[in-house]
Amino acid sequence: SSGINAEWPLRPGKFETYLESVVDRYLDGSLPPYMREEAPPASQTYPINTVVSSTIYQAMMDQSKDVVIFFNQKSGCEECKVIMKWLEEIAVDVKDEPLRIIQLDIFENNLNRTMFSYQKAPRLMIMPGGEKPESPIGFPFEMDMNPEQIKRFMGGYSKLAFKSCKDTKKKKVPTATLR
């Protein structure tokens, strides 16, 4: 039949039944939560790994490494592309240290925003190795940024990596504006 509901899979009279079943499953706790998530990559690329909603928590809780989390927007974010290039350079510089850098596209994956406290991309956070804190520590993006500042931020909060940053983290770093 043709008409306004021709493409709608829930024909008039069926919608109420469907809606009632959804409400019943919600009330009895059997309705699974909807989580927007891109497909996990088939293989990872060095030096930065891509995570998705279902894999980020396991990746960031690795106690044997400091974990840097980069929340980005893969399409249309020029700042994200610049920061990703900087993170790749940093990862190569500290490749022998216990560090893992992961990235997640915040527009393709839902997350607990209370835990991560991000509002938009780009956002950079670190989960120090060893005993993990309740939530990651965020980089203060209101300041001007350059690769050396990012590296010193990571070095200041890391417990296992960035040995070369530990003695210089208190020094003032010249800034290059990223806007």
N, C-alpha and C. Protein backbone atom coordinates (compact mmCIF):
# COMPACT_ATOMS: atom_id res chain seq x y z
N SER A 1 0.85 -1.18 0.00
CA SER A 1 0.00 0.00 0.00
C SER A 1 0.87 1.22 0.00
N SER A 2 0.40 2.27 -0.63
CA SER A 2 1.16 3.51 -0.65
C SER A 2 0.58 4.47 0.37
N GLY A 3 1.29 5.54 0.61
CA GLY A 3 0.82 6.51 1.58
C GLY A 3 1.93 6.94 2.49
N ILE A 4 1.60 7.73 3.48
CA ILE A 4 2.60 8.33 4.36
C ILE A 4 3.36 7.28 5.18
N ASN A 5 2.74 6.15 5.49
CA ASN A 5 3.39 5.14 6.32
C ASN A 5 4.00 4.00 5.52
N ALA A 6 4.13 4.14 4.20
CA ALA A 6 4.61 3.05 3.36
C ALA A 6 6.01 2.59 3.76
N GLU A 7 6.91 3.51 4.14
CA GLU A 7 8.27 3.13 4.51
C GLU A 7 8.41 2.80 5.99
N TRP A 8 7.45 3.16 6.80
CA TRP A 8 7.53 2.97 8.25
C TRP A 8 7.26 1.51 8.58
N PRO A 9 8.18 0.84 9.22
CA PRO A 9 7.99 -0.59 9.48
C PRO A 9 6.90 -0.88 10.52
N LEU A 10 6.58 0.06 11.35
CA LEU A 10 5.56 -0.15 12.37
C LEU A 10 4.26 0.49 11.89
N ARG A 11 3.46 -0.29 11.27
CA ARG A 11 2.19 0.16 10.72
C ARG A 11 1.27 0.65 11.85
N PRO A 12 0.34 1.54 11.51
CA PRO A 12 -0.63 1.99 12.53
C PRO A 12 -1.28 0.79 13.22
N GLY A 13 -1.42 0.90 14.52
CA GLY A 13 -1.97 -0.19 15.32
C GLY A 13 -0.88 -1.09 15.89
N LYS A 14 0.28 -1.19 15.22
CA LYS A 14 1.40 -2.01 15.70
C LYS A 14 2.34 -1.20 16.58
N PHE A 15 2.37 0.11 16.38
CA PHE A 15 3.29 0.95 17.14
C PHE A 15 3.02 0.86 18.63
N GLU A 16 1.76 0.92 19.01
CA GLU A 16 1.41 0.86 20.44
C GLU A 16 1.91 -0.44 21.07
N THR A 17 1.76 -1.55 20.35
CA THR A 17 2.22 -2.85 20.85
C THR A 17 3.74 -2.84 21.01
N TYR A 18 4.44 -2.30 20.02
CA TYR A 18 5.90 -2.21 20.09
C TYR A 18 6.34 -1.32 21.25
N LEU A 19 5.74 -0.16 21.39
CA LEU A 19 6.10 0.76 22.45
C LEU A 19 5.84 0.14 23.82
N GLU A 20 4.75 -0.56 23.96
CA GLU A 20 4.43 -1.23 25.22
C GLU A 20 5.49 -2.28 25.55
N SER A 21 5.97 -3.01 24.54
CA SER A 21 7.00 -4.03 24.79
C SER A 21 8.32 -3.38 25.21
N VAL A 22 8.65 -2.23 24.62
CA VAL A 22 9.87 -1.52 25.00
C VAL A 22 9.78 -1.05 26.45
N VAL A 23 8.66 -0.47 26.83
CA VAL A 23 8.47 0.01 28.20
C VAL A 23 8.52 -1.17 29.17
N ASP A 24 7.89 -2.28 28.84
CA ASP A 24 7.92 -3.46 29.72
C ASP A 24 9.35 -3.97 29.91
N ARG A 25 10.13 -4.04 28.81
CA ARG A 25 11.53 -4.50 28.93
C ARG A 25 12.38 -3.51 29.73
N TYR A 26 12.09 -2.22 29.60
CA TYR A 26 12.80 -1.22 30.39
C TYR A 26 12.50 -1.41 31.87
N LEU A 27 11.23 -1.57 32.20
CA LEU A 27 10.82 -1.69 33.61
C LEU A 27 11.34 -2.96 34.26
N ASP A 28 11.44 -4.06 33.49
CA ASP A 28 11.94 -5.30 34.10
C ASP A 28 13.46 -5.45 33.98
N GLY A 29 14.11 -4.43 33.41
CA GLY A 29 15.58 -4.43 33.35
C GLY A 29 16.17 -5.25 32.22
N SER A 30 15.35 -5.72 31.30
CA SER A 30 15.88 -6.55 30.22
C SER A 30 16.16 -5.78 28.93
N LEU A 31 15.90 -4.48 28.92
CA LEU A 31 16.17 -3.67 27.73
C LEU A 31 17.65 -3.27 27.74
N PRO A 32 18.42 -3.74 26.76
CA PRO A 32 19.84 -3.39 26.76
C PRO A 32 20.01 -1.91 26.46
N PRO A 33 21.01 -1.27 27.07
CA PRO A 33 21.24 0.15 26.78
C PRO A 33 21.76 0.31 25.36
N TYR A 34 21.38 1.41 24.75
CA TYR A 34 21.90 1.71 23.42
C TYR A 34 23.19 2.48 23.59
N MET A 35 24.21 2.03 22.91
CA MET A 35 25.49 2.72 22.95
C MET A 35 25.96 2.88 21.52
N ARG A 36 26.13 4.14 21.12
CA ARG A 36 26.66 4.41 19.79
C ARG A 36 28.14 4.03 19.81
N GLU A 37 28.54 3.22 18.86
CA GLU A 37 29.92 2.75 18.83
C GLU A 37 30.33 2.40 17.41
N GLU A 38 31.48 2.94 17.01
CA GLU A 38 32.01 2.54 15.71
C GLU A 38 32.61 1.15 15.83
N ALA A 39 32.79 0.49 14.73
CA ALA A 39 33.38 -0.85 14.76
C ALA A 39 34.84 -0.75 15.19
N PRO A 40 35.28 -1.66 16.07
CA PRO A 40 36.70 -1.66 16.46
C PRO A 40 37.57 -1.91 15.23
N PRO A 41 38.73 -1.29 15.17
CA PRO A 41 39.60 -1.51 14.00
C PRO A 41 40.06 -2.96 13.93
N ALA A 42 40.19 -3.46 12.72
CA ALA A 42 40.64 -4.84 12.52
C ALA A 42 42.08 -5.02 12.99
N SER A 43 42.90 -3.98 12.82
CA SER A 43 44.27 -4.01 13.32
C SER A 43 44.63 -2.61 13.82
N GLN A 44 45.60 -2.55 14.68
CA GLN A 44 46.01 -1.27 15.27
C GLN A 44 47.24 -0.74 14.54
N THR A 45 47.36 0.58 14.57
CA THR A 45 48.52 1.20 13.95
C THR A 45 49.41 1.81 15.03
N TYR A 46 50.71 1.63 14.87
CA TYR A 46 51.66 2.23 15.78
C TYR A 46 51.82 3.69 15.39
N PRO A 47 51.98 4.60 16.27
CA PRO A 47 52.16 4.46 17.71
C PRO A 47 50.89 4.73 18.53
N ILE A 48 49.79 5.06 17.86
CA ILE A 48 48.57 5.39 18.59
C ILE A 48 47.49 4.37 18.24
N ASN A 49 46.87 3.80 19.26
CA ASN A 49 45.82 2.81 19.06
C ASN A 49 44.45 3.47 19.11
N THR A 50 43.54 2.95 18.30
CA THR A 50 42.16 3.43 18.31
C THR A 50 41.34 2.53 19.21
N VAL A 51 40.55 3.14 20.08
CA VAL A 51 39.63 2.39 20.94
C VAL A 51 38.21 2.85 20.63
N VAL A 52 37.25 2.06 21.06
CA VAL A 52 35.83 2.38 20.90
C VAL A 52 35.17 2.30 22.27
N SER A 53 33.89 2.60 22.32
CA SER A 53 33.17 2.64 23.59
C SER A 53 33.39 1.39 24.44
N SER A 54 33.34 0.24 23.82
CA SER A 54 33.42 -1.02 24.57
C SER A 54 34.84 -1.42 24.95
N THR A 55 35.86 -0.76 24.39
CA THR A 55 37.24 -1.17 24.69
C THR A 55 38.05 -0.12 25.45
N ILE A 56 37.53 1.08 25.61
CA ILE A 56 38.32 2.16 26.22
C ILE A 56 38.63 1.87 27.69
N TYR A 57 37.67 1.35 28.43
CA TYR A 57 37.89 1.15 29.86
C TYR A 57 38.99 0.12 30.12
N GLN A 58 38.97 -0.98 29.38
CA GLN A 58 40.01 -1.98 29.53
C GLN A 58 41.37 -1.40 29.16
N ALA A 59 41.42 -0.63 28.08
CA ALA A 59 42.69 -0.06 27.62
C ALA A 59 43.27 0.92 28.64
N MET A 60 42.43 1.74 29.24
CA MET A 60 42.96 2.76 30.14
C MET A 60 43.26 2.23 31.53
N MET A 61 42.82 1.05 31.87
CA MET A 61 43.07 0.50 33.20
C MET A 61 44.32 -0.38 33.27
N ASP A 62 45.11 -0.40 32.22
CA ASP A 62 46.36 -1.16 32.22
C ASP A 62 47.30 -0.55 33.25
N GLN A 63 47.54 -1.27 34.35
CA GLN A 63 48.37 -0.75 35.44
C GLN A 63 49.85 -0.74 35.10
N SER A 64 50.23 -1.48 34.06
CA SER A 64 51.66 -1.55 33.72
C SER A 64 52.12 -0.36 32.88
N LYS A 65 51.18 0.52 32.50
CA LYS A 65 51.54 1.65 31.64
C LYS A 65 50.76 2.90 32.03
N ASP A 66 51.37 4.05 31.75
CA ASP A 66 50.62 5.30 31.75
C ASP A 66 49.82 5.29 30.45
N VAL A 67 48.57 5.71 30.53
CA VAL A 67 47.72 5.69 29.34
C VAL A 67 47.26 7.12 29.04
N VAL A 68 47.60 7.60 27.86
CA VAL A 68 47.17 8.91 27.40
C VAL A 68 45.96 8.69 26.49
N ILE A 69 44.89 9.42 26.75
CA ILE A 69 43.65 9.28 26.00
C ILE A 69 43.41 10.56 25.22
N PHE A 70 43.26 10.41 23.92
CA PHE A 70 42.99 11.56 23.07
C PHE A 70 41.57 11.43 22.52
N PHE A 71 40.70 12.32 22.98
CA PHE A 71 39.33 12.36 22.48
C PHE A 71 39.34 13.30 21.29
N ASN A 72 39.04 12.77 20.13
CA ASN A 72 39.12 13.59 18.93
C ASN A 72 37.85 13.50 18.11
N GLN A 73 37.85 14.22 17.04
CA GLN A 73 36.80 14.17 16.03
C GLN A 73 37.54 13.96 14.73
N LYS A 74 37.46 12.77 14.19
CA LYS A 74 38.28 12.42 13.03
C LYS A 74 37.96 13.23 11.78
N SER A 75 36.73 13.66 11.65
CA SER A 75 36.39 14.42 10.44
C SER A 75 36.10 15.87 10.79
N GLY A 76 36.73 16.77 10.07
CA GLY A 76 36.43 18.19 10.19
C GLY A 76 37.08 18.94 11.33
N CYS A 77 37.99 18.34 12.06
CA CYS A 77 38.62 19.03 13.19
C CYS A 77 40.11 19.22 12.88
N GLU A 78 40.46 20.42 12.45
CA GLU A 78 41.85 20.70 12.10
C GLU A 78 42.75 20.65 13.34
N GLU A 79 42.28 21.15 14.48
CA GLU A 79 43.08 21.07 15.71
C GLU A 79 43.38 19.62 16.06
N CYS A 80 42.39 18.73 15.88
CA CYS A 80 42.59 17.31 16.18
C CYS A 80 43.70 16.72 15.33
N LYS A 81 43.75 17.10 14.06
CA LYS A 81 44.79 16.59 13.17
C LYS A 81 46.17 17.06 13.60
N VAL A 82 46.28 18.32 14.01
CA VAL A 82 47.57 18.85 14.48
C VAL A 82 48.00 18.13 15.75
N ILE A 83 47.08 18.00 16.70
CA ILE A 83 47.42 17.33 17.97
C ILE A 83 47.78 15.87 17.73
N MET A 84 47.08 15.20 16.82
CA MET A 84 47.40 13.81 16.51
C MET A 84 48.83 13.69 15.98
N LYS A 85 49.22 14.63 15.13
CA LYS A 85 50.60 14.62 14.61
C LYS A 85 51.59 14.80 15.77
N TRP A 86 51.29 15.73 16.68
CA TRP A 86 52.17 15.93 17.84
C TRP A 86 52.24 14.68 18.70
N LEU A 87 51.11 14.03 18.93
CA LEU A 87 51.10 12.82 19.76
C LEU A 87 51.90 11.70 19.10
N GLU A 88 51.82 11.60 17.78
CA GLU A 88 52.63 10.59 17.08
C GLU A 88 54.11 10.86 17.28
N GLU A 89 54.52 12.12 17.21
CA GLU A 89 55.92 12.47 17.44
C GLU A 89 56.34 12.16 18.87
N ILE A 90 55.49 12.49 19.83
CA ILE A 90 55.79 12.21 21.23
C ILE A 90 55.91 10.71 21.45
N ALA A 91 55.00 9.94 20.87
CA ALA A 91 55.02 8.49 21.03
C ALA A 91 56.32 7.89 20.51
N VAL A 92 56.82 8.41 19.41
CA VAL A 92 58.09 7.92 18.87
C VAL A 92 59.23 8.28 19.82
N ASP A 93 59.19 9.49 20.39
CA ASP A 93 60.24 9.93 21.32
C ASP A 93 60.32 9.06 22.57
N VAL A 94 59.20 8.56 23.04
CA VAL A 94 59.18 7.78 24.29
C VAL A 94 58.77 6.33 24.05
N LYS A 95 59.11 5.82 22.87
CA LYS A 95 58.64 4.48 22.48
C LYS A 95 59.12 3.36 23.40
N ASP A 96 60.22 3.55 24.11
CA ASP A 96 60.72 2.50 24.98
C ASP A 96 60.22 2.63 26.42
N GLU A 97 59.38 3.60 26.68
CA GLU A 97 58.84 3.81 28.02
C GLU A 97 57.47 3.15 28.16
N PRO A 98 57.05 2.87 29.39
CA PRO A 98 55.75 2.22 29.60
C PRO A 98 54.59 3.20 29.41
N LEU A 99 54.27 3.43 28.14
CA LEU A 99 53.25 4.40 27.78
C LEU A 99 52.40 3.83 26.67
N ARG A 100 51.12 4.11 26.74
CA ARG A 100 50.20 3.75 25.66
C ARG A 100 49.36 4.98 25.34
N ILE A 101 49.30 5.34 24.06
CA ILE A 101 48.45 6.44 23.64
C ILE A 101 47.29 5.85 22.86
N ILE A 102 46.08 6.21 23.29
CA ILE A 102 44.89 5.72 22.63
C ILE A 102 44.05 6.92 22.16
N GLN A 103 43.25 6.70 21.13
CA GLN A 103 42.38 7.75 20.63
C GLN A 103 40.97 7.20 20.49
N LEU A 104 40.01 8.10 20.67
CA LEU A 104 38.60 7.74 20.53
C LEU A 104 37.87 8.89 19.86
N ASP A 105 37.10 8.59 18.83
CA ASP A 105 36.29 9.60 18.14
C ASP A 105 35.01 9.81 18.95
N ILE A 106 34.86 10.99 19.55
CA ILE A 106 33.73 11.21 20.45
C ILE A 106 32.40 11.35 19.71
N PHE A 107 32.43 11.53 18.40
CA PHE A 107 31.18 11.63 17.66
C PHE A 107 30.71 10.28 17.16
N GLU A 108 31.56 9.29 17.22
CA GLU A 108 31.18 7.93 16.80
C GLU A 108 30.98 6.99 17.97
N ASN A 109 31.28 7.44 19.19
CA ASN A 109 31.22 6.58 20.37
C ASN A 109 30.61 7.32 21.55
N ASN A 110 29.70 6.66 22.25
CA ASN A 110 29.15 7.21 23.49
C ASN A 110 30.05 6.82 24.65
N LEU A 111 30.18 7.73 25.62
CA LEU A 111 30.96 7.45 26.82
C LEU A 111 30.28 8.07 28.02
N ASN A 112 30.76 7.68 29.19
CA ASN A 112 30.30 8.27 30.44
C ASN A 112 30.97 9.64 30.57
N ARG A 113 30.24 10.70 30.24
CA ARG A 113 30.82 12.05 30.27
C ARG A 113 31.14 12.51 31.68
N THR A 114 30.51 11.94 32.68
CA THR A 114 30.83 12.31 34.05
C THR A 114 32.25 11.87 34.39
N MET A 115 32.61 10.67 33.98
CA MET A 115 33.95 10.16 34.27
C MET A 115 35.01 10.93 33.49
N PHE A 116 34.71 11.25 32.24
CA PHE A 116 35.72 11.85 31.38
C PHE A 116 35.66 13.37 31.32
N SER A 117 34.58 13.95 31.71
CA SER A 117 34.39 15.41 31.78
C SER A 117 34.91 16.16 30.55
N TYR A 118 34.51 15.72 29.38
CA TYR A 118 34.84 16.46 28.18
C TYR A 118 33.55 17.01 27.59
N GLN A 119 33.65 18.13 26.93
CA GLN A 119 32.50 18.74 26.30
C GLN A 119 32.60 18.71 24.79
N LYS A 120 33.83 18.77 24.29
CA LYS A 120 34.04 18.78 22.84
C LYS A 120 35.44 18.28 22.54
N ALA A 121 35.67 18.01 21.28
CA ALA A 121 37.00 17.61 20.84
C ALA A 121 37.75 18.87 20.43
N PRO A 122 39.05 18.89 20.58
CA PRO A 122 39.91 17.85 21.13
C PRO A 122 39.98 17.90 22.65
N ARG A 123 40.27 16.77 23.25
CA ARG A 123 40.45 16.68 24.70
C ARG A 123 41.53 15.63 24.94
N LEU A 124 42.45 15.94 25.82
CA LEU A 124 43.57 15.06 26.12
C LEU A 124 43.58 14.77 27.61
N MET A 125 43.69 13.49 27.97
CA MET A 125 43.69 13.10 29.38
C MET A 125 44.75 12.02 29.59
N ILE A 126 45.12 11.82 30.85
CA ILE A 126 46.09 10.78 31.18
C ILE A 126 45.58 9.98 32.38
N MET A 127 45.78 8.67 32.30
CA MET A 127 45.54 7.77 33.43
C MET A 127 46.92 7.24 33.82
N PRO A 128 47.46 7.73 34.94
CA PRO A 128 48.79 7.27 35.36
C PRO A 128 48.81 5.76 35.59
N GLY A 129 49.97 5.17 35.39
CA GLY A 129 50.13 3.74 35.64
C GLY A 129 50.10 3.43 37.12
N GLY A 130 50.21 2.15 37.43
CA GLY A 130 50.14 1.72 38.83
C GLY A 130 48.71 1.74 39.31
N GLU A 131 48.51 2.15 40.55
CA GLU A 131 47.15 2.23 41.08
C GLU A 131 46.41 3.36 40.37
N LYS A 132 45.33 3.02 39.71
CA LYS A 132 44.62 3.98 38.87
C LYS A 132 43.70 4.89 39.69
N PRO A 133 43.65 6.17 39.35
CA PRO A 133 42.70 7.07 40.00
C PRO A 133 41.28 6.75 39.52
N GLU A 134 40.28 7.37 40.14
CA GLU A 134 38.89 7.12 39.74
C GLU A 134 38.59 7.64 38.35
N SER A 135 39.25 8.70 37.93
CA SER A 135 39.02 9.24 36.59
C SER A 135 40.32 9.84 36.06
N PRO A 136 40.40 9.99 34.74
CA PRO A 136 41.62 10.53 34.14
C PRO A 136 41.83 12.00 34.50
N ILE A 137 43.05 12.44 34.34
CA ILE A 137 43.43 13.83 34.59
C ILE A 137 43.46 14.55 33.25
N GLY A 138 42.76 15.67 33.14
CA GLY A 138 42.64 16.36 31.86
C GLY A 138 43.68 17.44 31.66
N PHE A 139 44.11 17.61 30.42
CA PHE A 139 45.02 18.67 30.01
C PHE A 139 44.24 19.97 29.95
N PRO A 140 44.76 21.06 30.52
CA PRO A 140 44.04 22.33 30.50
C PRO A 140 44.10 23.00 29.13
N PHE A 141 43.12 22.74 28.28
CA PHE A 141 43.15 23.23 26.91
C PHE A 141 42.93 24.73 26.78
N GLU A 142 42.60 25.40 27.87
CA GLU A 142 42.44 26.85 27.75
C GLU A 142 43.79 27.55 27.56
N MET A 143 44.87 26.87 27.83
CA MET A 143 46.18 27.47 27.62
C MET A 143 46.65 27.22 26.19
N ASP A 144 47.54 28.08 25.72
CA ASP A 144 48.13 27.82 24.41
C ASP A 144 48.92 26.53 24.50
N MET A 145 49.09 25.88 23.38
CA MET A 145 49.63 24.54 23.43
C MET A 145 50.68 24.32 22.36
N ASN A 146 51.65 23.50 22.70
CA ASN A 146 52.63 23.03 21.72
C ASN A 146 53.05 21.62 22.15
N PRO A 147 53.78 20.91 21.31
CA PRO A 147 54.13 19.53 21.65
C PRO A 147 54.90 19.40 22.96
N GLU A 148 55.78 20.36 23.23
CA GLU A 148 56.58 20.29 24.46
C GLU A 148 55.69 20.44 25.70
N GLN A 149 54.70 21.32 25.63
CA GLN A 149 53.77 21.47 26.77
C GLN A 149 52.98 20.20 26.99
N ILE A 150 52.53 19.58 25.91
CA ILE A 150 51.78 18.33 26.05
C ILE A 150 52.67 17.27 26.69
N LYS A 151 53.89 17.17 26.24
CA LYS A 151 54.82 16.18 26.78
C LYS A 151 55.09 16.44 28.27
N ARG A 152 55.24 17.71 28.64
CA ARG A 152 55.48 18.03 30.05
C ARG A 152 54.25 17.79 30.91
N PHE A 153 53.06 18.04 30.35
CA PHE A 153 51.83 17.71 31.07
C PHE A 153 51.80 16.21 31.34
N MET A 154 52.07 15.42 30.33
CA MET A 154 52.08 13.97 30.50
C MET A 154 53.14 13.56 31.52
N GLY A 155 54.33 14.16 31.40
CA GLY A 155 55.41 13.84 32.32
C GLY A 155 55.08 14.23 33.75
N GLY A 156 54.35 15.32 33.92
CA GLY A 156 54.00 15.78 35.26
C GLY A 156 53.03 14.86 35.97
N TYR A 157 52.18 14.15 35.23
CA TYR A 157 51.17 13.29 35.86
C TYR A 157 51.44 11.81 35.68
N SER A 158 52.39 11.45 34.84
CA SER A 158 52.68 10.03 34.65
C SER A 158 53.42 9.49 35.87
N LYS A 159 53.28 8.19 36.06
CA LYS A 159 54.00 7.54 37.15
C LYS A 159 55.11 6.64 36.61
N LEU A 160 54.96 6.17 35.38
CA LEU A 160 55.88 5.18 34.85
C LEU A 160 56.70 5.65 33.66
N ALA A 161 56.14 6.53 32.83
CA ALA A 161 56.80 6.98 31.61
C ALA A 161 57.31 8.40 31.76
N PHE A 162 57.86 8.93 30.70
CA PHE A 162 58.32 10.32 30.62
C PHE A 162 59.42 10.64 31.63
N LYS A 163 60.33 9.72 31.80
CA LYS A 163 61.43 9.96 32.74
C LYS A 163 62.20 11.23 32.38
N SER A 164 62.32 11.51 31.08
CA SER A 164 63.06 12.69 30.66
C SER A 164 62.33 13.99 30.99
N CYS A 165 61.04 13.92 31.28
CA CYS A 165 60.27 15.13 31.60
C CYS A 165 60.23 15.41 33.09
N LYS A 166 60.55 14.45 33.92
CA LYS A 166 60.36 14.60 35.36
C LYS A 166 61.16 15.76 35.94
N ASP A 167 62.38 15.95 35.47
CA ASP A 167 63.21 17.01 36.05
C ASP A 167 62.93 18.38 35.47
N THR A 168 62.20 18.45 34.36
CA THR A 168 61.97 19.75 33.72
C THR A 168 60.51 20.17 33.75
N LYS A 169 59.65 19.42 34.40
CA LYS A 169 58.21 19.71 34.30
C LYS A 169 57.82 21.03 34.95
N LYS A 170 58.59 21.55 35.86
CA LYS A 170 58.25 22.81 36.54
C LYS A 170 58.67 24.05 35.75
N LYS A 171 59.54 23.87 34.76
CA LYS A 171 60.04 25.02 34.00
C LYS A 171 58.95 25.58 33.09
N LYS A 172 59.01 26.88 32.88
CA LYS A 172 58.08 27.54 31.96
C LYS A 172 58.43 27.13 30.54
N VAL A 173 57.40 26.81 29.78
CA VAL A 173 57.59 26.37 28.40
C VAL A 173 57.13 27.47 27.45
N PRO A 174 57.96 27.83 26.47
CA PRO A 174 57.49 28.82 25.50
C PRO A 174 56.29 28.26 24.74
N THR A 175 55.31 29.11 24.46
CA THR A 175 54.08 28.63 23.85
C THR A 175 54.00 28.97 22.38
N ALA A 176 53.34 28.09 21.68
CA ALA A 176 52.97 28.32 20.27
C ALA A 176 51.46 28.18 20.23
N THR A 177 50.80 29.16 19.73
CA THR A 177 49.35 29.16 19.77
C THR A 177 48.77 28.18 18.75
N LEU A 178 47.81 27.41 19.21
CA LEU A 178 47.03 26.53 18.35
C LEU A 178 45.60 27.01 18.43
N ARG A 179 45.13 27.62 17.42
CA ARG A 179 43.76 28.15 17.43
C ARG A 179 43.13 27.97 16.08
